[in-house]
Amino acid sequence: RRTTVDPACRFNDLSELLTFIVVPPSNPETAGSRLIFLNAPCGPPGSARAAGGFAGGNGSGHHRPVTRLTVELVPSTCWWSNVRSHVTPAVWERLRRATATAAGNRCEICAGRGRRHPVECHEVWDYDDTGRVQRLVRLIALCPACHEVKHLGLAAKRGRHGAALAHLARVNGWTVDDAEAYAEVVFEQWAARSRHQWTLDCTVLETRGVHFQPTRPPGPAAG
């Protein structure tokens, strides 16, 4: 079963090209394929762009309820360089606490809480595939399970790939097949982006009194 890009769509860049995939039916005798809306763009909370979506249905039409949880793989050429690596532990703790407090110490995606750590602080990035700019959009509070999905590659290395996919499917109301098809295309996008160097843009933090000049410290070779 191979996931393919919907040929009816037209795209301007890599992000748009990877927005839609067609999932072939598990049973060839059943009705047509379903269309999955992949990317949940990174707009401010509550905005139409932040909502993203999931399109299910068949040739008779599509619906697009919200895709609540997405995978956000950081290109390997951007590893070892993020907000936490640029600020002092005290500043990161301040940002983390403020993010958790603003969310009521609940996950901003599923409203859940972890047992050991109620929520964790996740950096949401937007990628300009034309200008090769990795731009910080915001910090978000996530329960450990949703946070694990965001870093699906790391989850796989820890032997947690299946558990993370199951959580992704459960939160979005997908089948496991949907989640696997989605992950396949996300990893293809990650591989394409990992072939390039990116400029880091964290200016959004200036409104919170955090100023620094982003750099790319050397790290282990990408694998």
Protein backbone atom coordinates (compact mmCIF):
# COMPACT_ATOMS: atom_id res chain seq x y z
CA ARG A 1 0.00 0.00 0.00
CA ARG A 2 1.66 3.17 -1.16
CA THR A 3 0.72 6.67 -0.11
CA THR A 4 0.61 9.14 -2.99
CA VAL A 5 0.23 12.87 -3.46
CA ASP A 6 -3.18 13.93 -4.73
CA PRO A 7 -2.62 14.79 -8.43
CA ALA A 8 -5.56 17.23 -8.41
CA CYS A 9 -3.70 19.60 -6.06
CA ARG A 10 -1.33 22.33 -7.18
CA PHE A 11 1.53 23.44 -4.96
CA ASN A 12 3.94 26.35 -4.73
CA ASP A 13 6.56 24.84 -2.44
CA LEU A 14 7.49 21.75 -0.47
CA SER A 15 5.17 22.60 2.43
CA GLU A 16 2.16 22.84 0.15
CA LEU A 17 3.14 19.74 -1.81
CA LEU A 18 3.17 17.77 1.42
CA THR A 19 -0.15 19.16 2.62
CA PHE A 20 -2.27 16.50 0.95
CA ILE A 21 -1.82 12.77 0.52
CA VAL A 22 -4.23 10.18 -0.75
CA VAL A 23 -4.55 7.04 1.36
CA PRO A 24 -5.58 4.06 -0.80
CA PRO A 25 -8.38 1.97 0.72
CA SER A 26 -7.24 -1.05 2.73
CA ASN A 27 -9.80 -3.13 0.86
CA PRO A 28 -9.62 -2.54 -2.94
CA GLU A 29 -13.30 -3.43 -3.20
CA THR A 30 -14.39 -0.57 -0.95
CA ALA A 31 -15.16 2.97 -2.04
CA GLY A 32 -12.52 5.50 -3.05
CA SER A 33 -9.45 6.68 -1.24
CA ARG A 34 -9.49 9.16 1.61
CA LEU A 35 -7.73 12.50 1.51
CA ILE A 36 -5.61 13.45 4.51
CA PHE A 37 -4.75 17.09 5.17
CA LEU A 38 -1.26 16.79 6.60
CA ASN A 39 0.13 20.04 7.87
CA ALA A 40 -1.30 21.94 10.80
CA PRO A 41 0.21 25.39 10.08
CA CYS A 42 1.69 27.34 12.94
CA GLY A 43 -0.55 30.34 13.49
CA PRO A 44 -1.45 31.91 16.82
CA PRO A 45 -3.81 29.92 19.05
CA GLY A 46 -7.40 30.18 17.90
CA SER A 47 -6.56 31.35 14.41
CA ALA A 48 -7.77 29.58 11.29
CA ARG A 49 -4.17 28.92 10.28
CA ALA A 50 -3.35 27.35 13.62
CA ALA A 51 -6.29 24.96 13.34
CA GLY A 52 -5.12 22.99 10.33
CA GLY A 53 -7.46 20.18 9.37
CA PHE A 54 -8.13 16.62 8.39
CA ALA A 55 -10.13 15.78 5.31
CA GLY A 56 -11.91 12.46 5.15
CA GLY A 57 -14.57 11.16 2.81
CA ASN A 58 -14.59 10.00 -0.79
CA GLY A 59 -15.36 11.20 -4.27
CA SER A 60 -18.75 12.54 -3.19
CA GLY A 61 -17.11 15.32 -1.20
CA HIS A 62 -14.72 16.07 1.64
CA HIS A 63 -15.09 17.31 5.18
CA ARG A 64 -12.27 18.93 7.11
CA PRO A 65 -12.53 18.77 10.88
CA VAL A 66 -9.50 19.93 12.81
CA THR A 67 -6.28 17.91 12.89
CA ARG A 68 -5.41 18.34 16.52
CA LEU A 69 -2.00 16.65 16.68
CA THR A 70 0.80 16.67 14.10
CA VAL A 71 4.39 15.46 13.90
CA GLU A 72 7.04 18.21 13.77
CA LEU A 73 10.37 16.72 12.77
CA VAL A 74 13.30 19.13 12.98
CA PRO A 75 15.68 18.83 10.00
CA SER A 76 18.93 17.12 10.98
CA THR A 77 20.87 20.23 9.93
CA CYS A 78 18.98 22.12 12.66
CA TRP A 79 19.69 19.68 15.46
CA TRP A 80 21.55 20.94 18.54
CA SER A 81 20.32 24.49 17.98
CA ASN A 82 17.08 25.66 19.57
CA VAL A 83 15.76 28.12 22.13
CA ARG A 84 16.86 26.06 25.11
CA SER A 85 20.42 25.81 23.78
CA HIS A 86 20.64 29.60 23.40
CA VAL A 87 19.35 30.79 26.77
CA THR A 88 20.44 30.24 30.35
CA PRO A 89 18.73 27.55 32.44
CA ALA A 90 17.04 30.32 34.46
CA VAL A 91 15.58 31.98 31.35
CA TRP A 92 14.38 28.65 29.95
CA GLU A 93 12.73 27.81 33.27
CA ARG A 94 10.94 31.17 33.20
CA LEU A 95 9.70 30.55 29.67
CA ARG A 96 8.68 26.99 30.51
CA ARG A 97 6.73 27.99 33.60
CA ALA A 98 5.00 30.87 31.82
CA THR A 99 3.97 28.58 28.98
CA ALA A 100 2.61 25.94 31.36
CA THR A 101 0.77 28.50 33.50
CA ALA A 102 -0.85 30.14 30.47
CA ALA A 103 -2.18 26.72 29.47
CA GLY A 104 -3.50 25.95 32.94
CA ASN A 105 -0.90 23.18 33.25
CA ARG A 106 -2.83 21.12 30.70
CA CYS A 107 -1.89 19.99 27.22
CA GLU A 108 -2.90 22.56 24.63
CA ILE A 109 -3.77 19.77 22.20
CA CYS A 110 -5.56 17.01 24.12
CA ALA A 111 -6.09 18.76 27.50
CA GLY A 112 -4.36 15.84 29.19
CA ARG A 113 -1.66 15.80 31.85
CA GLY A 114 1.33 13.57 32.41
CA ARG A 115 1.80 11.62 35.64
CA ARG A 116 5.34 12.73 36.43
CA HIS A 117 5.34 16.01 34.50
CA PRO A 118 1.86 17.46 33.80
CA VAL A 119 3.10 19.34 30.72
CA GLU A 120 6.34 19.93 28.84
CA CYS A 121 7.42 22.97 26.84
CA HIS A 122 7.62 22.44 23.06
CA GLU A 123 9.07 24.82 20.49
CA VAL A 124 6.79 25.26 17.45
CA TRP A 125 8.70 26.07 14.26
CA ASP A 126 7.63 27.23 10.82
CA TYR A 127 9.85 26.46 7.82
CA ASP A 128 10.24 28.76 4.83
CA ASP A 129 11.28 26.22 2.22
CA THR A 130 12.17 28.97 -0.26
CA GLY A 131 14.28 31.22 1.96
CA ARG A 132 15.51 28.32 4.16
CA VAL A 133 14.45 30.07 7.36
CA GLN A 134 13.46 28.14 10.47
CA ARG A 135 11.24 30.56 12.40
CA LEU A 136 10.08 30.11 15.96
CA VAL A 137 6.33 30.66 16.10
CA ARG A 138 5.60 30.07 19.77
CA LEU A 139 6.15 27.88 22.80
CA ILE A 140 3.36 25.44 23.59
CA ALA A 141 2.51 23.28 26.60
CA LEU A 142 2.12 19.59 25.73
CA CYS A 143 1.50 16.47 27.77
CA PRO A 144 4.35 13.95 27.48
CA ALA A 145 2.35 11.73 25.08
CA CYS A 146 1.60 14.54 22.61
CA HIS A 147 5.17 15.82 22.95
CA GLU A 148 6.47 12.36 22.08
CA VAL A 149 4.43 12.41 18.85
CA LYS A 150 5.96 15.75 17.87
CA HIS A 151 9.40 14.11 18.00
CA LEU A 152 8.40 10.83 16.35
CA GLY A 153 11.95 10.09 15.18
CA LEU A 154 13.24 10.24 18.74
CA ALA A 155 10.31 8.12 19.89
CA ALA A 156 11.30 5.47 17.35
CA LYS A 157 14.89 5.44 18.61
CA ARG A 158 13.54 4.86 22.10
CA GLY A 159 11.38 1.96 20.92
CA ARG A 160 8.22 4.03 21.31
CA HIS A 161 7.21 4.40 17.65
CA GLY A 162 4.11 2.23 17.93
CA ALA A 163 2.89 3.91 21.10
CA ALA A 164 3.39 7.36 19.61
CA LEU A 165 1.52 6.43 16.40
CA ALA A 166 -1.33 5.00 18.46
CA HIS A 167 -1.62 8.27 20.39
CA LEU A 168 -1.48 10.29 17.16
CA ALA A 169 -4.32 8.21 15.71
CA ARG A 170 -6.39 8.36 18.88
CA VAL A 171 -6.18 12.15 19.31
CA ASN A 172 -7.01 12.83 15.65
CA GLY A 173 -9.69 10.16 15.31
CA TRP A 174 -7.63 8.36 12.66
CA THR A 175 -6.99 4.70 12.04
CA VAL A 176 -3.49 3.38 12.64
CA ASP A 177 -3.18 3.08 8.85
CA ASP A 178 -3.91 6.82 8.58
CA ALA A 179 -1.21 7.57 11.13
CA GLU A 180 1.33 5.35 9.38
CA ALA A 181 0.61 6.96 5.99
CA TYR A 182 0.92 10.41 7.51
CA ALA A 183 4.22 9.53 9.22
CA GLU A 184 5.65 8.19 5.96
CA VAL A 185 5.16 11.50 4.19
CA VAL A 186 6.35 13.53 7.19
CA PHE A 187 9.62 11.61 7.19
CA GLU A 188 9.98 12.23 3.45
CA GLN A 189 9.57 15.93 4.13
CA TRP A 190 12.14 15.72 6.92
CA ALA A 191 14.65 14.05 4.58
CA ALA A 192 14.17 16.76 1.95
CA ARG A 193 14.62 19.57 4.48
CA SER A 194 17.64 17.87 6.04
CA ARG A 195 19.57 18.39 2.80
CA HIS A 196 19.74 22.15 3.44
CA GLN A 197 21.18 24.59 5.93
CA TRP A 198 18.65 26.84 7.68
CA THR A 199 18.75 30.31 9.22
CA LEU A 200 17.31 30.42 12.73
CA ASP A 201 14.78 33.17 13.52
CA CYS A 202 13.70 33.50 17.15
CA THR A 203 12.64 37.15 17.12
CA VAL A 204 9.19 36.26 18.46
CA LEU A 205 10.81 35.89 21.89
CA GLU A 206 11.79 39.55 21.94
CA THR A 207 8.24 40.37 23.06
CA ARG A 208 8.98 38.30 26.16
CA GLY A 209 12.22 40.09 26.88
CA VAL A 210 14.50 37.40 25.48
CA HIS A 211 17.18 38.58 23.07
CA PHE A 212 19.99 36.54 21.53
CA GLN A 213 21.77 36.03 18.24
CA PRO A 214 20.92 32.54 16.97
CA THR A 215 23.85 30.36 15.96
CA ARG A 216 24.34 26.81 14.74
CA PRO A 217 26.69 25.09 17.22
CA PRO A 218 28.47 22.00 15.88
CA GLY A 219 26.78 18.70 16.74
CA PRO A 220 27.02 15.04 15.83
CA ALA A 221 26.72 14.23 12.16
CA ALA A 222 23.16 13.83 10.95
CA GLY A 223 21.99 10.29 10.68
